[in-house]
């Protein structure tokens, strides 16, 4: 069974905290509240710096997935 993993990011337009699927890291998304468009980025990249579409993005997604798997094993 597959479980979707999310991360939390603040909307740069309205400031709401949004749950965003890890699959959307580095992609343009829209806030469900204000419809403001922005690029989904990890929390360590909150300054709006360009997101590397290459290996660092995949590495971060894998880190997030691994952390979820570790929590399931320990819980």
N, C-alpha and C. Protein backbone atom coordinates (compact mmCIF):
# COMPACT_ATOMS: atom_id res chain seq x y z
N UNK A 1 0.84 -1.16 0.00
CA UNK A 1 0.00 0.00 0.00
C UNK A 1 0.90 1.24 0.00
N UNK A 2 0.57 2.21 -0.85
CA UNK A 2 1.35 3.42 -0.99
C UNK A 2 0.74 4.56 -0.18
N UNK A 3 1.58 5.28 0.56
CA UNK A 3 1.12 6.44 1.33
C UNK A 3 1.78 7.68 0.76
N UNK A 4 1.01 8.72 0.58
CA UNK A 4 1.53 9.97 0.08
C UNK A 4 2.22 10.72 1.21
N UNK A 5 3.38 11.30 0.92
CA UNK A 5 4.13 12.06 1.90
C UNK A 5 4.01 13.54 1.57
N UNK A 6 3.83 14.34 2.61
CA UNK A 6 3.65 15.76 2.46
C UNK A 6 4.73 16.53 3.22
N UNK A 7 4.95 17.77 2.84
CA UNK A 7 5.75 18.70 3.62
C UNK A 7 4.92 19.96 3.77
N UNK A 8 5.29 20.81 4.70
CA UNK A 8 4.53 22.03 4.96
C UNK A 8 5.30 23.22 4.43
N UNK A 9 4.60 24.10 3.72
CA UNK A 9 5.20 25.33 3.21
C UNK A 9 4.19 26.45 3.37
N UNK A 10 4.68 27.62 3.70
CA UNK A 10 3.83 28.78 3.83
C UNK A 10 3.59 29.39 2.46
N UNK A 11 2.36 29.77 2.17
CA UNK A 11 2.04 30.45 0.92
C UNK A 11 2.68 31.84 0.96
N UNK A 12 3.48 32.20 -0.04
CA UNK A 12 4.11 33.52 -0.04
C UNK A 12 3.11 34.66 -0.25
N UNK A 13 1.91 34.36 -0.71
CA UNK A 13 0.91 35.40 -0.95
C UNK A 13 0.06 35.67 0.28
N UNK A 14 -0.55 34.62 0.85
CA UNK A 14 -1.46 34.83 1.98
C UNK A 14 -0.90 34.38 3.33
N UNK A 15 0.22 33.65 3.32
CA UNK A 15 0.85 33.24 4.57
C UNK A 15 0.30 31.98 5.20
N UNK A 16 -0.69 31.37 4.60
CA UNK A 16 -1.24 30.13 5.17
C UNK A 16 -0.24 28.99 5.03
N UNK A 17 -0.25 28.11 6.02
CA UNK A 17 0.61 26.92 5.96
C UNK A 17 -0.11 25.85 5.16
N UNK A 18 0.55 25.36 4.13
CA UNK A 18 -0.06 24.39 3.22
C UNK A 18 0.66 23.06 3.29
N UNK A 19 -0.10 21.99 3.22
CA UNK A 19 0.47 20.64 3.09
C UNK A 19 0.62 20.38 1.59
N UNK A 20 1.85 20.13 1.17
CA UNK A 20 2.14 19.93 -0.25
C UNK A 20 2.78 18.55 -0.42
N UNK A 21 2.31 17.83 -1.42
CA UNK A 21 2.88 16.50 -1.69
C UNK A 21 4.34 16.62 -2.10
N UNK A 22 5.17 15.72 -1.60
CA UNK A 22 6.58 15.69 -1.94
C UNK A 22 6.76 15.61 -3.46
N UNK A 23 5.83 14.97 -4.14
CA UNK A 23 5.90 14.84 -5.60
C UNK A 23 5.95 16.20 -6.29
N UNK A 24 5.46 17.25 -5.62
CA UNK A 24 5.40 18.58 -6.23
C UNK A 24 6.60 19.46 -5.91
N UNK A 25 7.61 18.94 -5.18
CA UNK A 25 8.81 19.71 -4.90
C UNK A 25 9.41 20.23 -6.20
N UNK A 26 9.69 21.53 -6.25
CA UNK A 26 10.29 22.13 -7.43
C UNK A 26 9.33 22.48 -8.55
N UNK A 27 8.05 22.19 -8.34
CA UNK A 27 7.05 22.47 -9.37
C UNK A 27 6.18 23.65 -8.95
N UNK A 28 5.57 24.29 -9.92
CA UNK A 28 4.68 25.42 -9.68
C UNK A 28 3.34 24.89 -9.18
N UNK A 29 2.88 25.43 -8.05
CA UNK A 29 1.61 25.04 -7.46
C UNK A 29 0.80 26.29 -7.16
N UNK A 30 -0.47 26.12 -6.82
CA UNK A 30 -1.33 27.24 -6.46
C UNK A 30 -1.92 27.00 -5.08
N UNK A 31 -1.97 28.04 -4.28
CA UNK A 31 -2.57 27.99 -2.94
C UNK A 31 -4.06 27.72 -3.08
N UNK A 32 -4.57 26.77 -2.32
CA UNK A 32 -5.99 26.44 -2.41
C UNK A 32 -6.87 27.52 -1.77
N UNK A 33 -6.27 28.43 -1.01
CA UNK A 33 -7.05 29.47 -0.34
C UNK A 33 -7.11 30.76 -1.14
N UNK A 34 -5.94 31.25 -1.62
CA UNK A 34 -5.91 32.54 -2.31
C UNK A 34 -5.60 32.42 -3.81
N UNK A 35 -5.31 31.20 -4.26
CA UNK A 35 -4.96 30.91 -5.65
C UNK A 35 -3.62 31.51 -6.07
N UNK A 36 -2.82 31.98 -5.11
CA UNK A 36 -1.49 32.51 -5.42
C UNK A 36 -0.59 31.39 -5.92
N UNK A 37 0.13 31.63 -7.00
CA UNK A 37 1.01 30.61 -7.58
C UNK A 37 2.44 30.80 -7.07
N UNK A 38 3.11 29.68 -6.80
CA UNK A 38 4.49 29.70 -6.33
C UNK A 38 5.12 28.35 -6.59
N UNK A 39 6.44 28.27 -6.43
CA UNK A 39 7.17 27.02 -6.61
C UNK A 39 7.26 26.33 -5.26
N UNK A 40 6.87 25.07 -5.20
CA UNK A 40 6.94 24.29 -3.96
C UNK A 40 8.40 24.01 -3.64
N UNK A 41 8.83 24.47 -2.46
CA UNK A 41 10.23 24.30 -2.05
C UNK A 41 10.30 23.74 -0.65
N UNK A 42 11.38 23.09 -0.35
CA UNK A 42 11.58 22.57 0.99
C UNK A 42 11.83 23.71 1.97
N UNK A 43 11.67 23.45 3.24
CA UNK A 43 11.76 24.49 4.26
C UNK A 43 13.14 25.13 4.34
N UNK A 44 14.20 24.44 3.98
CA UNK A 44 15.53 25.04 4.04
C UNK A 44 15.77 25.99 2.89
N UNK A 45 14.80 26.11 1.98
CA UNK A 45 14.94 26.99 0.82
C UNK A 45 13.81 28.02 0.80
N UNK A 46 13.51 28.61 1.97
CA UNK A 46 12.38 29.52 2.07
C UNK A 46 12.65 30.90 1.49
N UNK A 47 13.86 31.20 1.11
CA UNK A 47 14.17 32.52 0.56
C UNK A 47 13.73 32.67 -0.88
N UNK A 48 13.15 31.63 -1.46
CA UNK A 48 12.70 31.73 -2.84
C UNK A 48 13.81 31.53 -3.85
N UNK A 49 14.91 30.94 -3.42
CA UNK A 49 16.00 30.67 -4.34
C UNK A 49 15.55 29.62 -5.34
N UNK A 50 16.10 29.65 -6.55
CA UNK A 50 15.72 28.64 -7.54
C UNK A 50 15.98 27.23 -7.02
N UNK A 51 15.08 26.34 -7.29
CA UNK A 51 15.20 24.96 -6.86
C UNK A 51 15.90 24.17 -7.95
N UNK A 52 16.93 23.44 -7.58
CA UNK A 52 17.65 22.60 -8.52
C UNK A 52 16.75 21.46 -8.95
N UNK A 53 16.52 21.34 -10.23
CA UNK A 53 15.63 20.30 -10.76
C UNK A 53 16.32 18.95 -10.85
N UNK A 54 17.60 18.89 -10.50
CA UNK A 54 18.37 17.67 -10.66
C UNK A 54 18.44 16.81 -9.42
N UNK A 55 19.62 16.32 -9.15
CA UNK A 55 19.82 15.30 -8.12
C UNK A 55 19.52 15.80 -6.71
N UNK A 56 19.75 17.06 -6.40
CA UNK A 56 19.49 17.53 -5.03
C UNK A 56 18.00 17.47 -4.70
N UNK A 57 17.16 17.73 -5.68
CA UNK A 57 15.72 17.64 -5.48
C UNK A 57 15.30 16.20 -5.21
N UNK A 58 15.81 15.28 -5.98
CA UNK A 58 15.50 13.87 -5.77
C UNK A 58 16.06 13.38 -4.44
N UNK A 59 17.24 13.85 -4.09
CA UNK A 59 17.86 13.45 -2.82
C UNK A 59 16.99 13.92 -1.65
N UNK A 60 16.48 15.17 -1.71
CA UNK A 60 15.63 15.68 -0.64
C UNK A 60 14.32 14.92 -0.54
N UNK A 61 13.74 14.59 -1.68
CA UNK A 61 12.50 13.80 -1.68
C UNK A 61 12.75 12.44 -1.03
N UNK A 62 13.87 11.82 -1.35
CA UNK A 62 14.20 10.53 -0.75
C UNK A 62 14.43 10.65 0.75
N UNK A 63 15.05 11.75 1.19
CA UNK A 63 15.25 11.96 2.63
C UNK A 63 13.90 12.05 3.34
N UNK A 64 12.96 12.79 2.75
CA UNK A 64 11.64 12.90 3.37
C UNK A 64 10.93 11.56 3.42
N UNK A 65 11.01 10.80 2.35
CA UNK A 65 10.38 9.48 2.32
C UNK A 65 11.03 8.55 3.34
N UNK A 66 12.37 8.60 3.46
CA UNK A 66 13.08 7.78 4.44
C UNK A 66 12.68 8.13 5.86
N UNK A 67 12.50 9.43 6.13
CA UNK A 67 12.12 9.83 7.49
C UNK A 67 10.74 9.31 7.86
N UNK A 68 9.83 9.28 6.89
CA UNK A 68 8.50 8.73 7.14
C UNK A 68 8.60 7.23 7.40
N UNK A 69 9.41 6.53 6.62
CA UNK A 69 9.57 5.09 6.80
C UNK A 69 10.18 4.79 8.17
N UNK A 70 11.14 5.58 8.61
CA UNK A 70 11.77 5.38 9.92
C UNK A 70 10.75 5.58 11.05
N UNK A 71 9.89 6.59 10.90
CA UNK A 71 8.86 6.83 11.93
C UNK A 71 7.89 5.66 12.01
N UNK A 72 7.57 5.07 10.87
CA UNK A 72 6.65 3.93 10.87
C UNK A 72 7.29 2.72 11.56
N UNK A 73 8.58 2.52 11.33
CA UNK A 73 9.28 1.39 11.93
C UNK A 73 9.43 1.56 13.43
N UNK A 74 9.67 2.78 13.89
CA UNK A 74 9.87 3.00 15.31
C UNK A 74 8.57 3.21 16.08
N UNK A 75 7.47 3.39 15.35
CA UNK A 75 6.19 3.67 16.03
C UNK A 75 5.28 2.58 15.99
